[in-house]
Amino acid sequence: MAYEHLIVEHRGRTSWITLNRPDVLNALSMHTMGELRAVLTELRDRKDTRVIVFTGKGRAFCAGADMTGAPDPTAPPSDEPTFLTEANKMEEVLNTMPKPVIAALNGITCGGGLELAMMCDIIVAAETARIGDAHANFGMLPGGGATVRLPRLVGINHAKLLMFTGDLFLAPEMLKIGLVQRVFADDALETETQAIADKIAAKSPLGLAKMKRMIEGSFDMPTAQAIQAEKLNLIGHFNSYDAAEGGKAFAEKRKPEFRGY
């Protein structure tokens, strides 16, 4: 399928989604959201895709929502789709994605772009990438989870600093507070991200999907209940092909060939 606002590439078991609106810093329009929902749905069901990577074209990862499409507050109520309804549809697919998703921040990342990155499982960045929230600069409120995810990732006070000032910070600063997990030289971002993706893609798709669900589900459980749920998941997992293959490969001193079931 051809996309207007995206470039989709399959590199081995990793699929790259590149936001391709460099003239507007890869801002997210309603059309972009629709395309993202479509491609994520496709990749969710594509057996050859085991890891998904987001990045941006040009000097930005994503500068957030396309403000040119902002609703007119004086307009009468309408049943027409809005940016938020399209965003919600996309987020529903991304937030329930069983496959690992990496955000590779190649440049400016703010507002909805930061929220998109935080929906991913791992965030890596180029050294010169500038990252922040920026909603406050436009008198806006987050709508893609920033007030929930950002404090959990960096702590309440760091989150308030980012959100209240609207400033953009360099990736190494964001590495120190835990928002970013790895920082690479600008010209090495793509190859280093691919190396991480390749390493993850070699693991059991079934195991990774279960692990991801268990980690995310544990936040809403008391500690003892979450640990008990972990043990129950492990008991069921023993009966899977991938668990047996992992054990056999270890005993035979070879690399496992996981199948995802």
C-alpha atoms as a PDB file:
ATOM      1  CA  MET A   1       0.000   0.000   0.000  1.00  0.00           C
ATOM      2  CA  ALA A   2       1.286   3.474  -0.897  1.00  0.00           C
ATOM      3  CA  TYR A   3       1.198   6.220   1.714  1.00  0.00           C
ATOM      4  CA  GLU A   4       1.223   9.983   1.226  1.00  0.00           C
ATOM      5  CA  HIS A   5       2.649  11.038   4.589  1.00  0.00           C
ATOM      6  CA  LEU A   6       4.696   7.946   5.458  1.00  0.00           C
ATOM      7  CA  ILE A   7       7.574   5.885   4.120  1.00  0.00           C
ATOM      8  CA  VAL A   8       7.352   2.203   5.070  1.00  0.00           C
ATOM      9  CA  GLU A   9      10.374  -0.070   4.666  1.00  0.00           C
ATOM     10  CA  HIS A  10      10.923  -3.685   5.659  1.00  0.00           C
ATOM     11  CA  ARG A  11      14.496  -4.436   6.701  1.00  0.00           C
ATOM     12  CA  GLY A  12      14.685  -8.073   7.609  1.00  0.00           C
ATOM     13  CA  ARG A  13      12.295  -8.651  10.503  1.00  0.00           C
ATOM     14  CA  THR A  14      12.132  -4.941  11.311  1.00  0.00           C
ATOM     15  CA  SER A  15       9.671  -2.546   9.686  1.00  0.00           C
ATOM     16  CA  TRP A  16      10.534   1.165   9.636  1.00  0.00           C
ATOM     17  CA  ILE A  17       7.839   3.848   9.576  1.00  0.00           C
ATOM     18  CA  THR A  18       9.242   7.245   8.586  1.00  0.00           C
ATOM     19  CA  LEU A  19       7.066  10.316   9.038  1.00  0.00           C
ATOM     20  CA  ASN A  20       7.457  12.059   5.695  1.00  0.00           C
ATOM     21  CA  ARG A  21       6.302  15.676   5.978  1.00  0.00           C
ATOM     22  CA  PRO A  22       9.666  17.390   6.444  1.00  0.00           C
ATOM     23  CA  ASP A  23       8.378  20.761   5.234  1.00  0.00           C
ATOM     24  CA  VAL A  24       6.144  20.977   8.348  1.00  0.00           C
ATOM     25  CA  LEU A  25       8.544  19.155  10.709  1.00  0.00           C
ATOM     26  CA  ASN A  26       6.496  15.962  10.267  1.00  0.00           C
ATOM     27  CA  ALA A  27       3.492  17.476  12.025  1.00  0.00           C
ATOM     28  CA  LEU A  28       0.587  15.086  12.506  1.00  0.00           C
ATOM     29  CA  SER A  29      -2.557  15.850  10.513  1.00  0.00           C
ATOM     30  CA  MET A  30      -5.822  13.933  10.482  1.00  0.00           C
ATOM     31  CA  HIS A  31      -4.659  12.288   7.267  1.00  0.00           C
ATOM     32  CA  THR A  32      -1.357  11.294   8.868  1.00  0.00           C
ATOM     33  CA  MET A  33      -3.215   9.749  11.791  1.00  0.00           C
ATOM     34  CA  GLY A  34      -5.350   7.716   9.412  1.00  0.00           C
ATOM     35  CA  GLU A  35      -2.293   6.449   7.565  1.00  0.00           C
ATOM     36  CA  LEU A  36      -0.541   5.577  10.825  1.00  0.00           C
ATOM     37  CA  ARG A  37      -3.550   3.581  11.973  1.00  0.00           C
ATOM     38  CA  ALA A  38      -3.626   1.721   8.660  1.00  0.00           C
ATOM     39  CA  VAL A  39       0.072   0.854   8.598  1.00  0.00           C
ATOM     40  CA  LEU A  40       0.169  -0.148  12.258  1.00  0.00           C
ATOM     41  CA  THR A  41      -2.805  -2.451  11.711  1.00  0.00           C
ATOM     42  CA  GLU A  42      -1.027  -3.954   8.721  1.00  0.00           C
ATOM     43  CA  LEU A  43       2.246  -4.462  10.608  1.00  0.00           C
ATOM     44  CA  ARG A  44       0.480  -5.884  13.651  1.00  0.00           C
ATOM     45  CA  ASP A  45      -0.797  -8.720  11.464  1.00  0.00           C
ATOM     46  CA  ARG A  46       2.329  -9.095   9.290  1.00  0.00           C
ATOM     47  CA  LYS A  47       4.136 -12.257  10.420  1.00  0.00           C
ATOM     48  CA  ASP A  48       7.485 -11.208   8.959  1.00  0.00           C
ATOM     49  CA  THR A  49       7.500  -8.036  11.088  1.00  0.00           C
ATOM     50  CA  ARG A  50       8.769  -8.636  14.604  1.00  0.00           C
ATOM     51  CA  VAL A  51       9.908  -5.103  15.519  1.00  0.00           C
ATOM     52  CA  ILE A  52       8.611  -1.682  14.434  1.00  0.00           C
ATOM     53  CA  VAL A  53      10.723   1.504  14.334  1.00  0.00           C
ATOM     54  CA  PHE A  54       9.387   5.063  14.085  1.00  0.00           C
ATOM     55  CA  THR A  55      11.583   7.897  12.808  1.00  0.00           C
ATOM     56  CA  GLY A  56      11.222  11.161  10.883  1.00  0.00           C
ATOM     57  CA  LYS A  57      12.369  12.624   7.592  1.00  0.00           C
ATOM     58  CA  GLY A  58      14.496  15.774   7.645  1.00  0.00           C
ATOM     59  CA  ARG A  59      15.389  17.742  10.765  1.00  0.00           C
ATOM     60  CA  ALA A  60      12.485  16.614  12.944  1.00  0.00           C
ATOM     61  CA  PHE A  61      11.068  13.430  14.346  1.00  0.00           C
ATOM     62  CA  CYS A  62       7.699  15.106  14.845  1.00  0.00           C
ATOM     63  CA  ALA A  63       6.739  18.593  15.993  1.00  0.00           C
ATOM     64  CA  GLY A  64       3.288  17.505  17.171  1.00  0.00           C
ATOM     65  CA  ALA A  65      -0.149  18.213  15.807  1.00  0.00           C
ATOM     66  CA  ASP A  66      -0.553  20.125  12.562  1.00  0.00           C
ATOM     67  CA  MET A  67      -1.830  23.441  13.952  1.00  0.00           C
ATOM     68  CA  THR A  68      -3.149  24.468  10.537  1.00  0.00           C
ATOM     69  CA  GLY A  69      -5.883  21.892  11.048  1.00  0.00           C
ATOM     70  CA  ALA A  70      -6.851  23.064  14.520  1.00  0.00           C
ATOM     71  CA  PRO A  71     -10.619  23.432  15.028  1.00  0.00           C
ATOM     72  CA  ASP A  72     -12.238  26.853  15.101  1.00  0.00           C
ATOM     73  CA  PRO A  73     -13.559  27.314  18.678  1.00  0.00           C
ATOM     74  CA  THR A  74     -16.297  29.621  17.383  1.00  0.00           C
ATOM     75  CA  ALA A  75     -17.624  27.100  14.852  1.00  0.00           C
ATOM     76  CA  PRO A  76     -20.971  25.398  15.574  1.00  0.00           C
ATOM     77  CA  PRO A  77     -20.943  21.763  16.784  1.00  0.00           C
ATOM     78  CA  SER A  78     -20.405  19.188  14.056  1.00  0.00           C
ATOM     79  CA  ASP A  79     -20.539  15.415  13.676  1.00  0.00           C
ATOM     80  CA  GLU A  80     -17.526  15.487  11.330  1.00  0.00           C
ATOM     81  CA  PRO A  81     -14.435  13.550  12.479  1.00  0.00           C
ATOM     82  CA  THR A  82     -11.945  15.611  14.476  1.00  0.00           C
ATOM     83  CA  PHE A  83      -8.200  15.364  14.999  1.00  0.00           C
ATOM     84  CA  LEU A  84      -8.777  13.820  18.418  1.00  0.00           C
ATOM     85  CA  THR A  85     -11.109  11.126  17.094  1.00  0.00           C
ATOM     86  CA  GLU A  86      -8.564  10.152  14.434  1.00  0.00           C
ATOM     87  CA  ALA A  87      -5.761  10.280  17.008  1.00  0.00           C
ATOM     88  CA  ASN A  88      -7.719   8.024  19.364  1.00  0.00           C
ATOM     89  CA  LYS A  89      -8.189   5.430  16.626  1.00  0.00           C
ATOM     90  CA  MET A  90      -4.458   5.402  15.870  1.00  0.00           C
ATOM     91  CA  GLU A  91      -3.495   5.290  19.544  1.00  0.00           C
ATOM     92  CA  GLU A  92      -5.792   2.333  20.159  1.00  0.00           C
ATOM     93  CA  VAL A  93      -3.773   0.293  17.655  1.00  0.00           C
ATOM     94  CA  LEU A  94      -0.365   1.511  18.838  1.00  0.00           C
ATOM     95  CA  ASN A  95      -1.128   1.205  22.555  1.00  0.00           C
ATOM     96  CA  THR A  96      -2.276  -2.410  22.123  1.00  0.00           C
ATOM     97  CA  MET A  97       0.532  -3.388  19.727  1.00  0.00           C
ATOM     98  CA  PRO A  98       1.939  -6.764  20.865  1.00  0.00           C
ATOM     99  CA  LYS A  99       5.216  -6.230  18.998  1.00  0.00           C
ATOM    100  CA  PRO A 100       8.114  -4.137  20.346  1.00  0.00           C
ATOM    101  CA  VAL A 101       8.126  -0.571  19.017  1.00  0.00           C
ATOM    102  CA  ILE A 102      11.185   1.709  18.989  1.00  0.00           C
ATOM    103  CA  ALA A 103      11.128   5.488  18.528  1.00  0.00           C
ATOM    104  CA  ALA A 104      14.326   6.765  16.872  1.00  0.00           C
ATOM    105  CA  LEU A 105      14.326  10.521  17.438  1.00  0.00           C
ATOM    106  CA  ASN A 106      16.350  12.033  14.613  1.00  0.00           C
ATOM    107  CA  GLY A 107      15.600  15.673  15.413  1.00  0.00           C
ATOM    108  CA  ILE A 108      13.013  18.035  16.914  1.00  0.00           C
ATOM    109  CA  THR A 109      10.510  16.103  19.027  1.00  0.00           C
ATOM    110  CA  CYS A 110       7.779  17.959  20.874  1.00  0.00           C
ATOM    111  CA  GLY A 111       4.081  18.051  21.716  1.00  0.00           C
ATOM    112  CA  GLY A 112       2.288  15.194  20.013  1.00  0.00           C
ATOM    113  CA  GLY A 113       5.643  13.996  18.680  1.00  0.00           C
ATOM    114  CA  LEU A 114       6.854  13.432  22.230  1.00  0.00           C
ATOM    115  CA  GLU A 115       3.577  11.717  23.055  1.00  0.00           C
ATOM    116  CA  LEU A 116       3.988   9.439  20.021  1.00  0.00           C
ATOM    117  CA  ALA A 117       7.515   8.554  21.164  1.00  0.00           C
ATOM    118  CA  MET A 118       6.312   7.772  24.685  1.00  0.00           C
ATOM    119  CA  MET A 119       3.743   5.322  23.289  1.00  0.00           C
ATOM    120  CA  CYS A 120       6.697   3.284  22.042  1.00  0.00           C
ATOM    121  CA  ASP A 121       8.546   0.717  24.149  1.00  0.00           C
ATOM    122  CA  ILE A 122      12.059   2.112  23.706  1.00  0.00           C
ATOM    123  CA  ILE A 123      13.228   5.632  22.843  1.00  0.00           C
ATOM    124  CA  VAL A 124      16.638   6.242  21.254  1.00  0.00           C
ATOM    125  CA  ALA A 125      17.857   9.572  19.921  1.00  0.00           C
ATOM    126  CA  ALA A 126      20.492  11.375  17.907  1.00  0.00           C
ATOM    127  CA  GLU A 127      22.866  13.539  19.931  1.00  0.00           C
ATOM    128  CA  THR A 128      21.506  16.771  18.468  1.00  0.00           C
ATOM    129  CA  ALA A 129      17.829  15.833  18.778  1.00  0.00           C
ATOM    130  CA  ARG A 130      15.910  18.463  20.764  1.00  0.00           C
ATOM    131  CA  ILE A 131      13.084  17.119  22.878  1.00  0.00           C
ATOM    132  CA  GLY A 132      10.314  18.722  24.910  1.00  0.00           C
ATOM    133  CA  ASP A 133       6.580  19.036  25.455  1.00  0.00           C
ATOM    134  CA  ALA A 134       5.703  22.503  24.048  1.00  0.00           C
ATOM    135  CA  HIS A 135       1.919  22.389  24.650  1.00  0.00           C
ATOM    136  CA  ALA A 136       2.219  25.298  27.075  1.00  0.00           C
ATOM    137  CA  ASN A 137       3.764  27.464  24.351  1.00  0.00           C
ATOM    138  CA  PHE A 138       0.448  27.427  22.492  1.00  0.00           C
ATOM    139  CA  GLY A 139      -1.961  27.533  25.424  1.00  0.00           C
ATOM    140  CA  MET A 140      -2.849  23.900  24.740  1.00  0.00           C
ATOM    141  CA  LEU A 141      -3.216  20.787  26.872  1.00  0.00           C
ATOM    142  CA  PRO A 142      -1.782  17.350  26.062  1.00  0.00           C
ATOM    143  CA  GLY A 143      -4.236  14.856  24.633  1.00  0.00           C
ATOM    144  CA  GLY A 144      -1.963  11.934  23.794  1.00  0.00           C
ATOM    145  CA  GLY A 145      -0.991  10.826  27.276  1.00  0.00           C
ATOM    146  CA  ALA A 146       1.817  13.246  28.230  1.00  0.00           C
ATOM    147  CA  THR A 147       0.389  14.088  31.670  1.00  0.00           C
ATOM    148  CA  VAL A 148       0.242  10.356  32.426  1.00  0.00           C
ATOM    149  CA  ARG A 149       3.322   8.870  30.767  1.00  0.00           C
ATOM    150  CA  LEU A 150       5.861  11.659  31.238  1.00  0.00           C
ATOM    151  CA  PRO A 151       5.696  11.721  35.086  1.00  0.00           C
ATOM    152  CA  ARG A 152       5.966   7.940  35.146  1.00  0.00           C
ATOM    153  CA  LEU A 153       9.037   7.996  32.924  1.00  0.00           C
ATOM    154  CA  VAL A 154      10.983  10.917  34.395  1.00  0.00           C
ATOM    155  CA  GLY A 155       9.316  11.740  37.722  1.00  0.00           C
ATOM    156  CA  ILE A 156       6.790  14.432  38.587  1.00  0.00           C
ATOM    157  CA  ASN A 157       9.176  17.373  38.930  1.00  0.00           C
ATOM    158  CA  HIS A 158      11.089  16.696  35.710  1.00  0.00           C
ATOM    159  CA  ALA A 159       7.741  16.296  33.934  1.00  0.00           C
ATOM    160  CA  LYS A 160       6.529  19.640  35.283  1.00  0.00           C
ATOM    161  CA  LEU A 161       9.728  21.358  34.147  1.00  0.00           C
ATOM    162  CA  LEU A 162       9.313  20.025  30.603  1.00  0.00           C
ATOM    163  CA  MET A 163       5.606  20.744  30.458  1.00  0.00           C
ATOM    164  CA  PHE A 164       5.489  24.121  32.195  1.00  0.00           C
ATOM    165  CA  THR A 165       8.456  25.708  30.364  1.00  0.00           C
ATOM    166  CA  GLY A 166       7.729  24.302  26.908  1.00  0.00           C
ATOM    167  CA  ASP A 167      11.503  24.235  26.354  1.00  0.00           C
ATOM    168  CA  LEU A 168      13.350  21.776  24.131  1.00  0.00           C
ATOM    169  CA  PHE A 169      16.289  19.900  25.667  1.00  0.00           C
ATOM    170  CA  LEU A 170      19.131  18.031  23.984  1.00  0.00           C
ATOM    171  CA  ALA A 171      18.968  14.239  23.936  1.00  0.00           C
ATOM    172  CA  PRO A 172      21.897  13.704  26.382  1.00  0.00           C
ATOM    173  CA  GLU A 173      19.942  15.687  29.012  1.00  0.00           C
ATOM    174  CA  MET A 174      16.907  13.503  28.420  1.00  0.00           C
ATOM    175  CA  LEU A 175      19.087  10.402  28.731  1.00  0.00           C
ATOM    176  CA  LYS A 176      20.079  11.489  32.248  1.00  0.00           C
ATOM    177  CA  ILE A 177      16.473  11.690  33.452  1.00  0.00           C
ATOM    178  CA  GLY A 178      15.389   8.438  31.795  1.00  0.00           C
ATOM    179  CA  LEU A 179      13.172   9.689  28.989  1.00  0.00           C
ATOM    180  CA  VAL A 180      15.632   8.404  26.387  1.00  0.00           C
ATOM    181  CA  GLN A 181      17.331   5.014  26.751  1.00  0.00           C
ATOM    182  CA  ARG A 182      20.210   5.447  24.283  1.00  0.00           C
ATOM    183  CA  VAL A 183      21.866   8.387  22.519  1.00  0.00           C
ATOM    184  CA  PHE A 184      23.921   7.947  19.349  1.00  0.00           C
ATOM    185  CA  ALA A 185      25.925  10.169  17.046  1.00  0.00           C
ATOM    186  CA  ASP A 186      23.618  11.668  14.423  1.00  0.00           C
ATOM    187  CA  ASP A 187      25.156   9.686  11.569  1.00  0.00           C
ATOM    188  CA  ALA A 188      24.967   6.440  13.556  1.00  0.00           C
ATOM    189  CA  LEU A 189      21.337   6.654  14.728  1.00  0.00           C
ATOM    190  CA  GLU A 190      19.911   4.515  11.945  1.00  0.00           C
ATOM    191  CA  THR A 191      22.526   1.741  12.066  1.00  0.00           C
ATOM    192  CA  GLU A 192      22.573   1.596  15.869  1.00  0.00           C
ATOM    193  CA  THR A 193      18.770   1.495  16.015  1.00  0.00           C
ATOM    194  CA  GLN A 194      18.732  -1.289  13.439  1.00  0.00           C
ATOM    195  CA  ALA A 195      21.222  -3.245  15.549  1.00  0.00           C
ATOM    196  CA  ILE A 196      18.950  -2.982  18.598  1.00  0.00           C
ATOM    197  CA  ALA A 197      15.931  -3.984  16.507  1.00  0.00           C
ATOM    198  CA  ASP A 198      17.776  -6.976  15.023  1.00  0.00           C
ATOM    199  CA  LYS A 199      18.739  -8.180  18.498  1.00  0.00           C
ATOM    200  CA  ILE A 200      15.139  -7.930  19.703  1.00  0.00           C
ATOM    201  CA  ALA A 201      13.732  -9.494  16.514  1.00  0.00           C
ATOM    202  CA  ALA A 202      15.823 -12.620  17.143  1.00  0.00           C
ATOM    203  CA  LYS A 203      13.957 -13.274  20.394  1.00  0.00           C
ATOM    204  CA  SER A 204      10.693 -15.177  20.765  1.00  0.00           C
ATOM    205  CA  PRO A 205       7.789 -13.075  19.407  1.00  0.00           C
ATOM    206  CA  LEU A 206       5.462 -14.914  21.776  1.00  0.00           C
ATOM    207  CA  GLY A 207       7.696 -14.307  24.766  1.00  0.00           C
ATOM    208  CA  LEU A 208       8.154 -10.631  23.952  1.00  0.00           C
ATOM    209  CA  ALA A 209       4.422 -10.056  23.444  1.00  0.00           C
ATOM    210  CA  LYS A 210       3.619 -11.704  26.770  1.00  0.00           C
ATOM    211  CA  MET A 211       6.430  -9.850  28.543  1.00  0.00           C
ATOM    212  CA  LYS A 212       5.217  -6.517  27.163  1.00  0.00           C
ATOM    213  CA  ARG A 213       1.642  -7.218  28.286  1.00  0.00           C
ATOM    214  CA  MET A 214       2.833  -8.316  31.738  1.00  0.00           C
ATOM    215  CA  ILE A 215       4.986  -5.218  32.281  1.00  0.00           C
ATOM    216  CA  GLU A 216       2.239  -2.827  31.231  1.00  0.00           C
ATOM    217  CA  GLY A 217      -0.440  -4.674  33.199  1.00  0.00           C
ATOM    218  CA  SER A 218       1.613  -4.707  36.388  1.00  0.00           C
ATOM    219  CA  PHE A 219       1.252  -0.922  36.851  1.00  0.00           C
ATOM    220  CA  ASP A 220      -2.404  -1.332  37.746  1.00  0.00           C
ATOM    221  CA  MET A 221      -1.850  -4.188  40.234  1.00  0.00           C
ATOM    222  CA  PRO A 222      -0.609  -4.382  43.804  1.00  0.00           C
ATOM    223  CA  THR A 223       2.913  -5.827  43.924  1.00  0.00           C
ATOM    224  CA  ALA A 224       1.930  -9.216  45.340  1.00  0.00           C
ATOM    225  CA  GLN A 225      -0.864  -9.642  42.794  1.00  0.00           C
ATOM    226  CA  ALA A 226       1.440  -8.684  39.906  1.00  0.00           C
ATOM    227  CA  ILE A 227       4.071 -11.212  41.019  1.00  0.00           C
ATOM    228  CA  GLN A 228       1.428 -13.932  41.266  1.00  0.00           C
ATOM    229  CA  ALA A 229       0.198 -13.056  37.765  1.00  0.00           C
ATOM    230  CA  GLU A 230       3.769 -13.326  36.512  1.00  0.00           C
ATOM    231  CA  LYS A 231       4.087 -16.864  37.914  1.00  0.00           C
ATOM    232  CA  LEU A 232       0.785 -17.919  36.336  1.00  0.00           C
ATOM    233  CA  ASN A 233       1.893 -16.560  32.970  1.00  0.00           C
ATOM    234  CA  LEU A 234       5.140 -18.507  33.233  1.00  0.00           C
ATOM    235  CA  ILE A 235       3.330 -21.762  34.002  1.00  0.00           C
ATOM    236  CA  GLY A 236       1.239 -21.394  30.856  1.00  0.00           C
ATOM    237  CA  HIS A 237       4.236 -20.348  28.792  1.00  0.00           C
ATOM    238  CA  PHE A 238       6.081 -23.606  29.523  1.00  0.00           C
ATOM    239  CA  ASN A 239       3.732 -25.351  27.063  1.00  0.00           C
ATOM    240  CA  SER A 240       4.692 -23.120  24.121  1.00  0.00           C
ATOM    241  CA  TYR A 241       6.895 -24.139  21.202  1.00  0.00           C
ATOM    242  CA  ASP A 242       9.209 -21.169  21.748  1.00  0.00           C
ATOM    243  CA  ALA A 243       9.871 -22.089  25.384  1.00  0.00           C
ATOM    244  CA  ALA A 244      10.746 -25.641  24.372  1.00  0.00           C
ATOM    245  CA  GLU A 245      12.899 -24.415  21.482  1.00  0.00           C
ATOM    246  CA  GLY A 246      14.776 -22.060  23.788  1.00  0.00           C
ATOM    247  CA  GLY A 247      15.594 -24.916  26.150  1.00  0.00           C
ATOM    248  CA  LYS A 248      16.664 -27.230  23.332  1.00  0.00           C
ATOM    249  CA  ALA A 249      18.854 -24.586  21.727  1.00  0.00           C
ATOM    250  CA  PHE A 250      20.586 -23.911  25.044  1.00  0.00           C
ATOM    251  CA  ALA A 251      21.265 -27.631  25.581  1.00  0.00           C
ATOM    252  CA  GLU A 252      22.494 -28.045  21.996  1.00  0.00           C
ATOM    253  CA  LYS A 253      24.598 -24.857  22.163  1.00  0.00           C
ATOM    254  CA  ARG A 254      22.985 -23.252  19.105  1.00  0.00           C
ATOM    255  CA  LYS A 255      20.889 -20.207  18.319  1.00  0.00           C
ATOM    256  CA  PRO A 256      17.165 -20.808  18.810  1.00  0.00           C
ATOM    257  CA  GLU A 257      14.752 -20.511  15.909  1.00  0.00           C
ATOM    258  CA  PHE A 258      11.631 -19.077  17.460  1.00  0.00           C
ATOM    259  CA  ARG A 259       8.286 -19.338  15.663  1.00  0.00           C
ATOM    260  CA  GLY A 260       6.025 -17.218  17.841  1.00  0.00           C
ATOM    261  CA  TYR A 261       3.741 -19.873  19.280  1.00  0.00           C
END
